[in-house]
Amino acid sequence: MPPEPDAEERPDGADHADDAVAEFVAVMRRLRAECPWKQEQTHRSLQRYLVEETYETLEAIDVGAASGEWAHLREELGDLLLQVVFHAVIAEEGGAFDLEEVARGITAKMVRRNPHVFGAAEAELDADAVNDLWQQAKAAEKGGSGPGPLPPDLPALLYADKTLDRRERAGLRVDVDAGSPELGDRLLALVAEARGAGVDPEQALRDAVRRLG
């Protein structure tokens, strides 16, 4: 685990951010102690809210990209942060982990998976090479066992995109038939086409739907 940076090495505003997050955690702890609804919530009962807030954040990003106004994204990121802190506080009550452990864990992961910044790897790399380094570090963390199964509840386009990506990385042949009578096969072929063009199929569809007005 990387050492915690000294105060003088932290980016400007880091201490203020620490204070704001600590205050928010204290608020959530009090709400868990004094608010009946908050007391009743569990990791599982909060799942639907996490999904809802994630999609509302995606919508705010689309709106901000189109309008140049990002205040809505700031609000939605706060709602998303609420879900993270809520889960961490529930876990803390059960003695599983707390928010500090969550933060330290993701900090250590980012350092491990970005050796071109924090390690000895060559710093002047393009995005594809950086992604390869990330995947190599991820595989090493898992003992070379390869990636785990994809979450079954991923949106279908994202699920298809990630499945094709894994097969390509494994050197497996990907056969998709754009002229198939099966609609699913043709949709999969469109995902493959998007990958070949360097386009995120999920975002492309969202943008197309938005253009409908």
N, C-alpha and C. Protein backbone atom coordinates (compact mmCIF):
# COMPACT_ATOMS: atom_id res chain seq x y z
N MET A 1 0.85 -1.20 0.00
CA MET A 1 0.00 0.00 0.00
C MET A 1 0.88 1.24 0.00
N PRO A 2 0.62 2.20 -0.90
CA PRO A 2 1.47 3.39 -0.95
C PRO A 2 1.32 4.22 0.31
N PRO A 3 2.40 4.88 0.73
CA PRO A 3 2.30 5.71 1.94
C PRO A 3 1.38 6.89 1.70
N GLU A 4 0.74 7.35 2.76
CA GLU A 4 -0.13 8.52 2.66
C GLU A 4 0.75 9.74 2.43
N PRO A 5 0.41 10.58 1.45
CA PRO A 5 1.25 11.75 1.16
C PRO A 5 1.25 12.72 2.32
N ASP A 6 2.40 13.39 2.51
CA ASP A 6 2.47 14.44 3.52
C ASP A 6 1.56 15.59 3.12
N ALA A 7 1.17 16.39 4.11
CA ALA A 7 0.23 17.48 3.85
C ALA A 7 0.75 18.42 2.77
N GLU A 8 2.08 18.70 2.80
CA GLU A 8 2.61 19.65 1.83
C GLU A 8 2.66 19.06 0.43
N GLU A 9 2.53 17.72 0.30
CA GLU A 9 2.56 17.08 -1.00
C GLU A 9 1.18 16.91 -1.59
N ARG A 10 0.15 17.18 -0.82
CA ARG A 10 -1.21 17.01 -1.31
C ARG A 10 -1.57 18.13 -2.26
N PRO A 11 -2.45 17.82 -3.23
CA PRO A 11 -2.89 18.87 -4.16
C PRO A 11 -3.59 19.99 -3.41
N ASP A 12 -3.58 21.18 -3.99
CA ASP A 12 -4.29 22.30 -3.38
C ASP A 12 -5.75 21.94 -3.15
N GLY A 13 -6.24 22.25 -1.96
CA GLY A 13 -7.64 21.98 -1.65
C GLY A 13 -7.89 20.61 -1.06
N ALA A 14 -6.85 19.78 -0.96
CA ALA A 14 -7.07 18.42 -0.47
C ALA A 14 -7.56 18.43 0.96
N ASP A 15 -6.98 19.30 1.81
CA ASP A 15 -7.41 19.34 3.20
C ASP A 15 -8.87 19.75 3.32
N HIS A 16 -9.28 20.72 2.50
CA HIS A 16 -10.68 21.15 2.52
C HIS A 16 -11.60 20.02 2.08
N ALA A 17 -11.16 19.26 1.08
CA ALA A 17 -11.95 18.12 0.61
C ALA A 17 -12.06 17.08 1.72
N ASP A 18 -10.95 16.83 2.42
CA ASP A 18 -10.98 15.89 3.53
C ASP A 18 -11.99 16.32 4.58
N ASP A 19 -11.99 17.62 4.90
CA ASP A 19 -12.92 18.14 5.91
C ASP A 19 -14.36 17.96 5.47
N ALA A 20 -14.64 18.23 4.19
CA ALA A 20 -16.01 18.12 3.69
C ALA A 20 -16.48 16.67 3.71
N VAL A 21 -15.62 15.75 3.30
CA VAL A 21 -16.00 14.33 3.31
C VAL A 21 -16.19 13.84 4.74
N ALA A 22 -15.30 14.24 5.65
CA ALA A 22 -15.44 13.83 7.06
C ALA A 22 -16.75 14.35 7.65
N GLU A 23 -17.12 15.57 7.30
CA GLU A 23 -18.38 16.13 7.79
C GLU A 23 -19.56 15.33 7.25
N PHE A 24 -19.50 14.95 5.98
CA PHE A 24 -20.57 14.18 5.37
C PHE A 24 -20.70 12.81 6.02
N VAL A 25 -19.57 12.17 6.29
CA VAL A 25 -19.60 10.87 6.96
C VAL A 25 -20.24 11.01 8.34
N ALA A 26 -19.91 12.08 9.05
CA ALA A 26 -20.50 12.30 10.37
C ALA A 26 -22.01 12.50 10.27
N VAL A 27 -22.45 13.21 9.24
CA VAL A 27 -23.89 13.39 9.02
C VAL A 27 -24.57 12.05 8.78
N MET A 28 -23.97 11.20 7.96
CA MET A 28 -24.58 9.91 7.66
C MET A 28 -24.60 9.00 8.89
N ARG A 29 -23.57 9.08 9.70
CA ARG A 29 -23.57 8.29 10.94
C ARG A 29 -24.71 8.73 11.86
N ARG A 30 -24.93 10.03 11.95
CA ARG A 30 -26.02 10.53 12.80
C ARG A 30 -27.38 10.13 12.23
N LEU A 31 -27.51 10.21 10.91
CA LEU A 31 -28.77 9.81 10.29
C LEU A 31 -29.05 8.33 10.54
N ARG A 32 -28.03 7.51 10.48
CA ARG A 32 -28.22 6.09 10.77
C ARG A 32 -28.65 5.87 12.21
N ALA A 33 -28.21 6.74 13.09
CA ALA A 33 -28.54 6.59 14.51
C ALA A 33 -29.91 7.15 14.86
N GLU A 34 -30.37 8.17 14.10
CA GLU A 34 -31.56 8.90 14.52
C GLU A 34 -32.72 8.88 13.52
N CYS A 35 -32.48 8.51 12.28
CA CYS A 35 -33.54 8.50 11.27
C CYS A 35 -34.08 7.09 11.08
N PRO A 36 -35.36 6.83 11.37
CA PRO A 36 -35.91 5.47 11.26
C PRO A 36 -35.75 4.86 9.87
N TRP A 37 -35.97 5.66 8.81
CA TRP A 37 -35.84 5.10 7.48
C TRP A 37 -34.41 4.70 7.18
N LYS A 38 -33.47 5.56 7.54
CA LYS A 38 -32.05 5.25 7.31
C LYS A 38 -31.63 4.02 8.10
N GLN A 39 -32.17 3.87 9.30
CA GLN A 39 -31.81 2.72 10.14
C GLN A 39 -32.24 1.39 9.51
N GLU A 40 -33.33 1.42 8.76
CA GLU A 40 -33.87 0.19 8.19
C GLU A 40 -33.12 -0.27 6.93
N GLN A 41 -32.33 0.61 6.35
CA GLN A 41 -31.71 0.28 5.07
C GLN A 41 -30.54 -0.70 5.24
N THR A 42 -30.39 -1.54 4.22
CA THR A 42 -29.29 -2.51 4.14
C THR A 42 -28.60 -2.34 2.79
N HIS A 43 -27.49 -3.06 2.62
CA HIS A 43 -26.82 -3.01 1.33
C HIS A 43 -27.79 -3.40 0.21
N ARG A 44 -28.58 -4.44 0.45
CA ARG A 44 -29.49 -4.91 -0.60
C ARG A 44 -30.64 -3.95 -0.84
N SER A 45 -31.18 -3.35 0.21
CA SER A 45 -32.30 -2.44 0.01
C SER A 45 -31.89 -1.18 -0.74
N LEU A 46 -30.61 -0.85 -0.70
CA LEU A 46 -30.11 0.35 -1.37
C LEU A 46 -29.69 0.10 -2.81
N GLN A 47 -29.73 -1.15 -3.26
CA GLN A 47 -29.26 -1.46 -4.60
C GLN A 47 -29.98 -0.64 -5.68
N ARG A 48 -31.30 -0.57 -5.60
CA ARG A 48 -32.06 0.12 -6.64
C ARG A 48 -31.70 1.60 -6.70
N TYR A 49 -31.40 2.19 -5.54
CA TYR A 49 -31.05 3.62 -5.52
C TYR A 49 -29.68 3.84 -6.16
N LEU A 50 -28.78 2.90 -5.95
CA LEU A 50 -27.45 3.01 -6.56
C LEU A 50 -27.57 2.97 -8.08
N VAL A 51 -28.40 2.07 -8.59
CA VAL A 51 -28.62 1.99 -10.04
C VAL A 51 -29.26 3.28 -10.56
N GLU A 52 -30.30 3.75 -9.87
CA GLU A 52 -30.99 4.98 -10.29
C GLU A 52 -30.04 6.17 -10.32
N GLU A 53 -29.25 6.32 -9.26
CA GLU A 53 -28.34 7.47 -9.20
C GLU A 53 -27.25 7.38 -10.27
N THR A 54 -26.82 6.17 -10.58
CA THR A 54 -25.82 6.00 -11.63
C THR A 54 -26.36 6.48 -12.97
N TYR A 55 -27.58 6.09 -13.28
CA TYR A 55 -28.15 6.51 -14.57
C TYR A 55 -28.48 7.99 -14.59
N GLU A 56 -28.87 8.56 -13.46
CA GLU A 56 -29.10 10.00 -13.41
C GLU A 56 -27.79 10.77 -13.59
N THR A 57 -26.70 10.19 -13.10
CA THR A 57 -25.39 10.81 -13.32
C THR A 57 -25.01 10.77 -14.79
N LEU A 58 -25.27 9.65 -15.45
CA LEU A 58 -25.00 9.55 -16.88
C LEU A 58 -25.80 10.59 -17.65
N GLU A 59 -27.07 10.77 -17.27
CA GLU A 59 -27.90 11.78 -17.92
C GLU A 59 -27.32 13.18 -17.72
N ALA A 60 -26.85 13.46 -16.51
CA ALA A 60 -26.26 14.77 -16.23
C ALA A 60 -25.01 15.01 -17.06
N ILE A 61 -24.23 13.95 -17.31
CA ILE A 61 -23.05 14.09 -18.16
C ILE A 61 -23.46 14.43 -19.58
N ASP A 62 -24.48 13.75 -20.10
CA ASP A 62 -24.96 14.04 -21.45
C ASP A 62 -25.46 15.49 -21.56
N VAL A 63 -26.21 15.92 -20.55
CA VAL A 63 -26.72 17.30 -20.56
C VAL A 63 -25.56 18.29 -20.50
N GLY A 64 -24.60 18.03 -19.64
CA GLY A 64 -23.46 18.93 -19.53
C GLY A 64 -22.63 18.99 -20.79
N ALA A 65 -22.45 17.84 -21.45
CA ALA A 65 -21.68 17.82 -22.69
C ALA A 65 -22.37 18.62 -23.78
N ALA A 66 -23.70 18.60 -23.77
CA ALA A 66 -24.46 19.31 -24.80
C ALA A 66 -24.58 20.80 -24.51
N SER A 67 -24.66 21.16 -23.23
CA SER A 67 -24.95 22.54 -22.87
C SER A 67 -23.74 23.30 -22.33
N GLY A 68 -22.73 22.57 -21.85
CA GLY A 68 -21.60 23.22 -21.21
C GLY A 68 -21.88 23.64 -19.78
N GLU A 69 -23.05 23.27 -19.26
CA GLU A 69 -23.44 23.59 -17.89
C GLU A 69 -23.31 22.33 -17.03
N TRP A 70 -22.47 22.40 -16.00
CA TRP A 70 -22.13 21.20 -15.24
C TRP A 70 -22.67 21.20 -13.81
N ALA A 71 -23.51 22.17 -13.46
CA ALA A 71 -24.04 22.22 -12.09
C ALA A 71 -24.87 20.98 -11.77
N HIS A 72 -25.61 20.49 -12.76
CA HIS A 72 -26.44 19.31 -12.54
C HIS A 72 -25.57 18.09 -12.27
N LEU A 73 -24.45 17.99 -12.95
CA LEU A 73 -23.54 16.87 -12.71
C LEU A 73 -23.00 16.93 -11.29
N ARG A 74 -22.66 18.13 -10.82
CA ARG A 74 -22.17 18.27 -9.44
C ARG A 74 -23.20 17.72 -8.45
N GLU A 75 -24.47 18.05 -8.68
CA GLU A 75 -25.53 17.57 -7.80
C GLU A 75 -25.65 16.05 -7.86
N GLU A 76 -25.61 15.50 -9.08
CA GLU A 76 -25.77 14.06 -9.22
C GLU A 76 -24.57 13.30 -8.66
N LEU A 77 -23.38 13.86 -8.80
CA LEU A 77 -22.21 13.23 -8.18
C LEU A 77 -22.36 13.20 -6.66
N GLY A 78 -22.98 14.25 -6.11
CA GLY A 78 -23.25 14.24 -4.67
C GLY A 78 -24.19 13.11 -4.29
N ASP A 79 -25.24 12.90 -5.11
CA ASP A 79 -26.17 11.80 -4.83
C ASP A 79 -25.48 10.45 -4.96
N LEU A 80 -24.54 10.35 -5.92
CA LEU A 80 -23.79 9.11 -6.07
C LEU A 80 -22.86 8.90 -4.89
N LEU A 81 -22.24 9.99 -4.43
CA LEU A 81 -21.38 9.91 -3.25
C LEU A 81 -22.19 9.49 -2.03
N LEU A 82 -23.42 9.95 -1.94
CA LEU A 82 -24.30 9.53 -0.85
C LEU A 82 -24.40 8.01 -0.80
N GLN A 83 -24.56 7.39 -1.96
CA GLN A 83 -24.68 5.93 -1.98
C GLN A 83 -23.39 5.26 -1.50
N VAL A 84 -22.26 5.78 -1.94
CA VAL A 84 -20.97 5.21 -1.52
C VAL A 84 -20.79 5.31 -0.01
N VAL A 85 -21.05 6.51 0.52
CA VAL A 85 -20.87 6.73 1.95
C VAL A 85 -21.89 5.93 2.76
N PHE A 86 -23.13 5.87 2.28
CA PHE A 86 -24.18 5.12 2.96
C PHE A 86 -23.76 3.66 3.12
N HIS A 87 -23.30 3.05 2.03
CA HIS A 87 -22.85 1.65 2.10
C HIS A 87 -21.65 1.50 3.03
N ALA A 88 -20.73 2.46 2.98
CA ALA A 88 -19.54 2.37 3.83
C ALA A 88 -19.90 2.48 5.31
N VAL A 89 -20.86 3.35 5.64
CA VAL A 89 -21.28 3.51 7.03
C VAL A 89 -21.98 2.24 7.52
N ILE A 90 -22.82 1.65 6.68
CA ILE A 90 -23.47 0.39 7.06
C ILE A 90 -22.42 -0.69 7.30
N ALA A 91 -21.43 -0.77 6.41
CA ALA A 91 -20.36 -1.76 6.58
C ALA A 91 -19.55 -1.49 7.85
N GLU A 92 -19.32 -0.22 8.15
CA GLU A 92 -18.58 0.16 9.36
C GLU A 92 -19.31 -0.32 10.61
N GLU A 93 -20.63 -0.17 10.61
CA GLU A 93 -21.42 -0.61 11.77
C GLU A 93 -21.28 -2.10 12.01
N GLY A 94 -21.13 -2.86 10.94
CA GLY A 94 -20.99 -4.30 11.07
C GLY A 94 -19.56 -4.76 11.25
N GLY A 95 -18.62 -3.81 11.30
CA GLY A 95 -17.22 -4.16 11.50
C GLY A 95 -16.53 -4.71 10.26
N ALA A 96 -17.14 -4.51 9.08
CA ALA A 96 -16.56 -5.05 7.85
C ALA A 96 -15.45 -4.15 7.31
N PHE A 97 -15.75 -2.88 7.12
CA PHE A 97 -14.77 -1.89 6.64
C PHE A 97 -15.40 -0.52 6.81
N ASP A 98 -14.59 0.52 6.60
CA ASP A 98 -15.13 1.88 6.65
C ASP A 98 -14.70 2.63 5.41
N LEU A 99 -15.11 3.89 5.31
CA LEU A 99 -14.83 4.68 4.10
C LEU A 99 -13.34 4.88 3.90
N GLU A 100 -12.60 5.03 4.99
CA GLU A 100 -11.15 5.21 4.86
C GLU A 100 -10.52 4.00 4.19
N GLU A 101 -10.97 2.80 4.57
CA GLU A 101 -10.44 1.59 3.94
C GLU A 101 -10.82 1.53 2.46
N VAL A 102 -12.02 1.97 2.14
CA VAL A 102 -12.43 2.02 0.74
C VAL A 102 -11.49 2.93 -0.04
N ALA A 103 -11.24 4.13 0.50
CA ALA A 103 -10.39 5.10 -0.18
C ALA A 103 -8.95 4.59 -0.31
N ARG A 104 -8.44 4.00 0.77
CA ARG A 104 -7.07 3.50 0.71
C ARG A 104 -6.96 2.35 -0.29
N GLY A 105 -7.99 1.53 -0.35
CA GLY A 105 -7.97 0.41 -1.28
C GLY A 105 -7.94 0.86 -2.72
N ILE A 106 -8.78 1.83 -3.07
CA ILE A 106 -8.81 2.28 -4.46
C ILE A 106 -7.56 3.10 -4.79
N THR A 107 -6.99 3.80 -3.80
CA THR A 107 -5.73 4.52 -4.03
C THR A 107 -4.62 3.54 -4.36
N ALA A 108 -4.51 2.47 -3.57
CA ALA A 108 -3.47 1.47 -3.82
C ALA A 108 -3.67 0.81 -5.18
N LYS A 109 -4.92 0.54 -5.54
CA LYS A 109 -5.20 -0.09 -6.84
C LYS A 109 -4.78 0.83 -7.99
N MET A 110 -5.09 2.12 -7.88
CA MET A 110 -4.74 3.05 -8.94
C MET A 110 -3.23 3.17 -9.10
N VAL A 111 -2.50 3.11 -7.98
CA VAL A 111 -1.04 3.17 -8.06
C VAL A 111 -0.51 1.90 -8.74
N ARG A 112 -1.04 0.72 -8.34
CA ARG A 112 -0.58 -0.54 -8.94
C ARG A 112 -0.87 -0.59 -10.44
N ARG A 113 -2.03 -0.11 -10.81
CA ARG A 113 -2.46 -0.28 -12.20
C ARG A 113 -2.01 0.84 -13.13
N ASN A 114 -1.25 1.78 -12.61
CA ASN A 114 -0.72 2.86 -13.44
C ASN A 114 0.79 2.98 -13.26
N PRO A 115 1.52 1.91 -13.60
CA PRO A 115 2.97 1.95 -13.40
C PRO A 115 3.67 2.96 -14.29
N HIS A 116 2.99 3.42 -15.36
CA HIS A 116 3.60 4.44 -16.23
C HIS A 116 3.64 5.79 -15.53
N VAL A 117 2.86 5.93 -14.45
CA VAL A 117 2.87 7.17 -13.67
C VAL A 117 3.60 6.98 -12.35
N PHE A 118 3.32 5.87 -11.66
CA PHE A 118 3.85 5.67 -10.31
C PHE A 118 4.98 4.64 -10.24
N GLY A 119 5.28 3.97 -11.36
CA GLY A 119 6.30 2.93 -11.32
C GLY A 119 7.40 3.17 -12.33
N ALA A 120 8.00 2.05 -12.77
CA ALA A 120 9.17 2.14 -13.64
C ALA A 120 8.81 2.02 -15.11
N ALA A 121 7.53 1.81 -15.41
CA ALA A 121 7.15 1.66 -16.82
C ALA A 121 7.36 2.97 -17.57
N GLU A 122 7.51 2.84 -18.88
CA GLU A 122 7.73 4.02 -19.71
C GLU A 122 6.54 4.97 -19.60
N ALA A 123 6.82 6.23 -19.41
CA ALA A 123 5.75 7.20 -19.19
C ALA A 123 5.11 7.65 -20.49
N GLU A 124 5.89 7.68 -21.58
CA GLU A 124 5.36 8.18 -22.85
C GLU A 124 4.67 7.04 -23.59
N LEU A 125 3.41 6.79 -23.26
CA LEU A 125 2.63 5.72 -23.87
C LEU A 125 1.34 6.28 -24.43
N ASP A 126 0.81 5.62 -25.46
CA ASP A 126 -0.49 6.04 -25.94
C ASP A 126 -1.58 5.36 -25.12
N ALA A 127 -2.82 5.72 -25.38
CA ALA A 127 -3.93 5.22 -24.55
C ALA A 127 -4.05 3.70 -24.61
N ASP A 128 -3.84 3.10 -25.79
CA ASP A 128 -3.95 1.65 -25.92
C ASP A 128 -2.88 0.94 -25.09
N ALA A 129 -1.66 1.47 -25.11
CA ALA A 129 -0.58 0.86 -24.33
C ALA A 129 -0.85 0.98 -22.83
N VAL A 130 -1.40 2.12 -22.42
CA VAL A 130 -1.76 2.30 -21.01
C VAL A 130 -2.83 1.30 -20.60
N ASN A 131 -3.81 1.10 -21.48
CA ASN A 131 -4.86 0.12 -21.18
C ASN A 131 -4.29 -1.28 -21.06
N ASP A 132 -3.31 -1.62 -21.91
CA ASP A 132 -2.66 -2.93 -21.82
C ASP A 132 -1.97 -3.09 -20.47
N LEU A 133 -1.27 -2.04 -20.02
CA LEU A 133 -0.62 -2.09 -18.71
C LEU A 133 -1.64 -2.31 -17.60
N TRP A 134 -2.77 -1.62 -17.71
CA TRP A 134 -3.85 -1.77 -16.72
C TRP A 134 -4.33 -3.22 -16.67
N GLN A 135 -4.56 -3.81 -17.84
CA GLN A 135 -5.06 -5.19 -17.90
C GLN A 135 -4.02 -6.17 -17.36
N GLN A 136 -2.75 -5.92 -17.63
CA GLN A 136 -1.69 -6.79 -17.11
C GLN A 136 -1.63 -6.73 -15.59
N ALA A 137 -1.74 -5.51 -15.05
CA ALA A 137 -1.72 -5.36 -13.59
C ALA A 137 -2.94 -6.01 -12.97
N LYS A 138 -4.08 -5.87 -13.62
CA LYS A 138 -5.31 -6.48 -13.12
C LYS A 138 -5.19 -7.99 -13.10
N ALA A 139 -4.63 -8.57 -14.17
CA ALA A 139 -4.45 -10.02 -14.23
C ALA A 139 -3.48 -10.50 -13.16
N ALA A 140 -2.41 -9.72 -12.92
CA ALA A 140 -1.44 -10.09 -11.89
C ALA A 140 -2.08 -10.10 -10.51
N GLU A 141 -2.99 -9.15 -10.26
CA GLU A 141 -3.69 -9.10 -8.97
C GLU A 141 -4.53 -10.36 -8.74
N LYS A 142 -5.03 -10.92 -9.84
CA LYS A 142 -5.89 -12.09 -9.74
C LYS A 142 -5.09 -13.39 -9.87
N GLY A 143 -3.77 -13.27 -9.79
CA GLY A 143 -2.93 -14.45 -9.86
C GLY A 143 -2.86 -15.07 -11.24
N GLY A 144 -3.12 -14.26 -12.26
CA GLY A 144 -3.07 -14.77 -13.62
C GLY A 144 -4.25 -15.64 -13.98
N SER A 145 -5.29 -15.62 -13.15
CA SER A 145 -6.45 -16.49 -13.39
C SER A 145 -7.40 -15.93 -14.43
N GLY A 146 -7.13 -14.71 -14.91
CA GLY A 146 -8.01 -14.12 -15.90
C GLY A 146 -9.15 -13.38 -15.23
N PRO A 147 -9.89 -12.62 -16.00
CA PRO A 147 -10.99 -11.83 -15.43
C PRO A 147 -12.11 -12.71 -14.93
N GLY A 148 -12.82 -12.22 -13.93
CA GLY A 148 -13.97 -12.93 -13.43
C GLY A 148 -15.14 -12.77 -14.37
N PRO A 149 -16.26 -13.42 -14.08
CA PRO A 149 -17.43 -13.29 -14.94
C PRO A 149 -17.97 -11.88 -14.96
N LEU A 150 -18.53 -11.51 -16.10
CA LEU A 150 -19.14 -10.19 -16.20
C LEU A 150 -20.43 -10.15 -15.40
N PRO A 151 -20.75 -9.01 -14.78
CA PRO A 151 -22.02 -8.90 -14.05
C PRO A 151 -23.19 -9.14 -15.00
N PRO A 152 -24.10 -10.05 -14.66
CA PRO A 152 -25.19 -10.38 -15.59
C PRO A 152 -26.18 -9.24 -15.79
N ASP A 153 -26.20 -8.26 -14.89
CA ASP A 153 -27.16 -7.17 -15.00
C ASP A 153 -26.64 -5.98 -15.79
N LEU A 154 -25.47 -6.12 -16.42
CA LEU A 154 -24.98 -5.03 -17.26
C LEU A 154 -25.98 -4.76 -18.39
N PRO A 155 -26.13 -3.49 -18.80
CA PRO A 155 -26.95 -3.22 -19.99
C PRO A 155 -26.45 -4.06 -21.16
N ALA A 156 -27.38 -4.49 -22.02
CA ALA A 156 -27.05 -5.47 -23.05
C ALA A 156 -25.93 -5.01 -23.98
N LEU A 157 -25.97 -3.72 -24.39
CA LEU A 157 -24.92 -3.24 -25.29
C LEU A 157 -23.56 -3.26 -24.62
N LEU A 158 -23.51 -2.84 -23.36
CA LEU A 158 -22.25 -2.86 -22.63
C LEU A 158 -21.77 -4.28 -22.40
N TYR A 159 -22.71 -5.19 -22.11
CA TYR A 159 -22.37 -6.60 -21.91
C TYR A 159 -21.75 -7.17 -23.19
N ALA A 160 -22.37 -6.86 -24.35
CA ALA A 160 -21.85 -7.34 -25.62
C ALA A 160 -20.47 -6.77 -25.90
N ASP A 161 -20.30 -5.47 -25.65
CA ASP A 161 -19.03 -4.80 -25.90
C ASP A 161 -17.91 -5.43 -25.07
N LYS A 162 -18.17 -5.65 -23.79
CA LYS A 162 -17.15 -6.22 -22.91
C LYS A 162 -16.86 -7.67 -23.27
N THR A 163 -17.88 -8.41 -23.68
CA THR A 163 -17.67 -9.80 -24.08
C THR A 163 -16.78 -9.88 -25.31
N LEU A 164 -17.06 -9.04 -26.30
CA LEU A 164 -16.22 -9.01 -27.50
C LEU A 164 -14.80 -8.59 -27.15
N ASP A 165 -14.66 -7.62 -26.26
CA ASP A 165 -13.33 -7.16 -25.85
C ASP A 165 -12.53 -8.30 -25.21
N ARG A 166 -13.18 -9.05 -24.34
CA ARG A 166 -12.47 -10.16 -23.68
C ARG A 166 -12.06 -11.24 -24.67
N ARG A 167 -12.93 -11.54 -25.60
CA ARG A 167 -12.59 -12.57 -26.60
C ARG A 167 -11.43 -12.10 -27.47
N GLU A 168 -11.43 -10.84 -27.84
CA GLU A 168 -10.34 -10.33 -28.66
C GLU A 168 -9.02 -10.37 -27.90
N ARG A 169 -9.06 -9.99 -26.62
CA ARG A 169 -7.84 -9.99 -25.82
C ARG A 169 -7.31 -11.41 -25.61
N ALA A 170 -8.22 -12.37 -25.58
CA ALA A 170 -7.82 -13.78 -25.41
C ALA A 170 -7.39 -14.42 -26.72
N GLY A 171 -7.46 -13.66 -27.82
CA GLY A 171 -7.07 -14.20 -29.11
C GLY A 171 -8.10 -15.13 -29.71
N LEU A 172 -9.33 -15.04 -29.24
CA LEU A 172 -10.39 -15.90 -29.75
C LEU A 172 -11.06 -15.25 -30.95
N ARG A 173 -11.45 -16.06 -31.88
CA ARG A 173 -12.12 -15.54 -33.08
C ARG A 173 -13.52 -15.05 -32.73
N VAL A 174 -13.87 -13.92 -33.32
CA VAL A 174 -15.19 -13.35 -33.09
C VAL A 174 -15.93 -13.33 -34.43
N ASP A 175 -16.91 -14.21 -34.57
CA ASP A 175 -17.71 -14.27 -35.79
C ASP A 175 -19.10 -13.69 -35.53
N VAL A 176 -19.41 -12.60 -36.20
CA VAL A 176 -20.73 -12.00 -36.09
C VAL A 176 -21.27 -11.81 -37.50
N ASP A 177 -22.54 -12.07 -37.68
CA ASP A 177 -23.16 -12.05 -39.00
C ASP A 177 -24.14 -10.89 -39.09
N ALA A 178 -23.73 -9.83 -39.79
CA ALA A 178 -24.58 -8.66 -39.93
C ALA A 178 -25.82 -8.96 -40.78
N GLY A 179 -25.77 -10.04 -41.58
CA GLY A 179 -26.91 -10.38 -42.42
C GLY A 179 -27.78 -11.49 -41.86
N SER A 180 -27.56 -11.84 -40.60
CA SER A 180 -28.33 -12.92 -39.98
C SER A 180 -29.80 -12.55 -39.87
N PRO A 181 -30.70 -13.54 -40.01
CA PRO A 181 -32.13 -13.25 -39.81
C PRO A 181 -32.47 -13.00 -38.34
N GLU A 182 -31.54 -13.35 -37.43
CA GLU A 182 -31.77 -13.14 -36.00
C GLU A 182 -31.40 -11.71 -35.63
N LEU A 183 -32.35 -11.00 -35.04
CA LEU A 183 -32.11 -9.61 -34.67
C LEU A 183 -30.94 -9.49 -33.70
N GLY A 184 -30.85 -10.42 -32.76
CA GLY A 184 -29.76 -10.37 -31.79
C GLY A 184 -28.40 -10.45 -32.44
N ASP A 185 -28.28 -11.30 -33.49
CA ASP A 185 -27.01 -11.42 -34.20
C ASP A 185 -26.66 -10.11 -34.90
N ARG A 186 -27.68 -9.46 -35.48
CA ARG A 186 -27.42 -8.20 -36.18
C ARG A 186 -27.04 -7.10 -35.20
N LEU A 187 -27.67 -7.10 -34.01
CA LEU A 187 -27.29 -6.13 -32.99
C LEU A 187 -25.85 -6.36 -32.53
N LEU A 188 -25.48 -7.63 -32.37
CA LEU A 188 -24.12 -7.94 -31.98
C LEU A 188 -23.13 -7.49 -33.05
N ALA A 189 -23.53 -7.65 -34.31
CA ALA A 189 -22.67 -7.20 -35.41
C ALA A 189 -22.48 -5.69 -35.36
N LEU A 190 -23.53 -4.96 -34.97
CA LEU A 190 -23.41 -3.51 -34.84
C LEU A 190 -22.44 -3.13 -33.71
N VAL A 191 -22.48 -3.89 -32.64
CA VAL A 191 -21.54 -3.65 -31.54
C VAL A 191 -20.12 -3.88 -32.02
N ALA A 192 -19.92 -4.97 -32.77
CA ALA A 192 -18.59 -5.25 -33.32
C ALA A 192 -18.15 -4.13 -34.27
N GLU A 193 -19.09 -3.63 -35.09
CA GLU A 193 -18.78 -2.52 -35.99
C GLU A 193 -18.37 -1.28 -35.20
N ALA A 194 -19.09 -1.00 -34.13
CA ALA A 194 -18.77 0.15 -33.30
C ALA A 194 -17.38 0.00 -32.69
N ARG A 195 -17.05 -1.20 -32.22
CA ARG A 195 -15.73 -1.43 -31.64
C ARG A 195 -14.64 -1.18 -32.69
N GLY A 196 -14.89 -1.66 -33.90
CA GLY A 196 -13.91 -1.47 -34.96
C GLY A 196 -13.69 -0.01 -35.30
N ALA A 197 -14.74 0.79 -35.10
CA ALA A 197 -14.65 2.22 -35.38
C ALA A 197 -14.21 3.03 -34.17
N GLY A 198 -13.97 2.35 -33.05
CA GLY A 198 -13.56 3.06 -31.84
C GLY A 198 -14.69 3.85 -31.20
N VAL A 199 -15.92 3.37 -31.37
CA VAL A 199 -17.10 4.06 -30.86
C VAL A 199 -17.71 3.25 -29.71
N ASP A 200 -18.11 3.93 -28.65
CA ASP A 200 -18.81 3.29 -27.54
C ASP A 200 -20.26 3.07 -27.99
N PRO A 201 -20.69 1.82 -28.19
CA PRO A 201 -22.05 1.60 -28.71
C PRO A 201 -23.14 2.07 -27.76
N GLU A 202 -22.92 1.95 -26.46
CA GLU A 202 -23.91 2.40 -25.49
C GLU A 202 -24.13 3.91 -25.60
N GLN A 203 -23.02 4.64 -25.66
CA GLN A 203 -23.13 6.09 -25.76
C GLN A 203 -23.69 6.51 -27.11
N ALA A 204 -23.32 5.79 -28.17
CA ALA A 204 -23.83 6.12 -29.50
C ALA A 204 -25.34 6.00 -29.55
N LEU A 205 -25.87 4.96 -28.93
CA LEU A 205 -27.33 4.79 -28.92
C LEU A 205 -27.99 5.85 -28.06
N ARG A 206 -27.41 6.18 -26.92
CA ARG A 206 -27.95 7.23 -26.07
C ARG A 206 -28.00 8.56 -26.83
N ASP A 207 -26.92 8.86 -27.55
CA ASP A 207 -26.89 10.11 -28.31
C ASP A 207 -27.95 10.12 -29.40
N ALA A 208 -28.13 8.97 -30.07
CA ALA A 208 -29.13 8.91 -31.14
C ALA A 208 -30.54 9.10 -30.60
N VAL A 209 -30.83 8.50 -29.46
CA VAL A 209 -32.15 8.65 -28.84
C VAL A 209 -32.36 10.10 -28.42
N ARG A 210 -31.32 10.72 -27.90
CA ARG A 210 -31.44 12.12 -27.46
C ARG A 210 -31.74 13.04 -28.64
N ARG A 211 -31.19 12.71 -29.81
CA ARG A 211 -31.43 13.54 -30.98
C ARG A 211 -32.89 13.51 -31.43
N LEU A 212 -33.64 12.52 -30.98
CA LEU A 212 -35.06 12.46 -31.31
C LEU A 212 -35.84 13.61 -30.67
N GLY A 213 -35.20 14.21 -29.65
CA GLY A 213 -35.83 15.37 -29.00
C GLY A 213 -36.77 14.98 -27.92
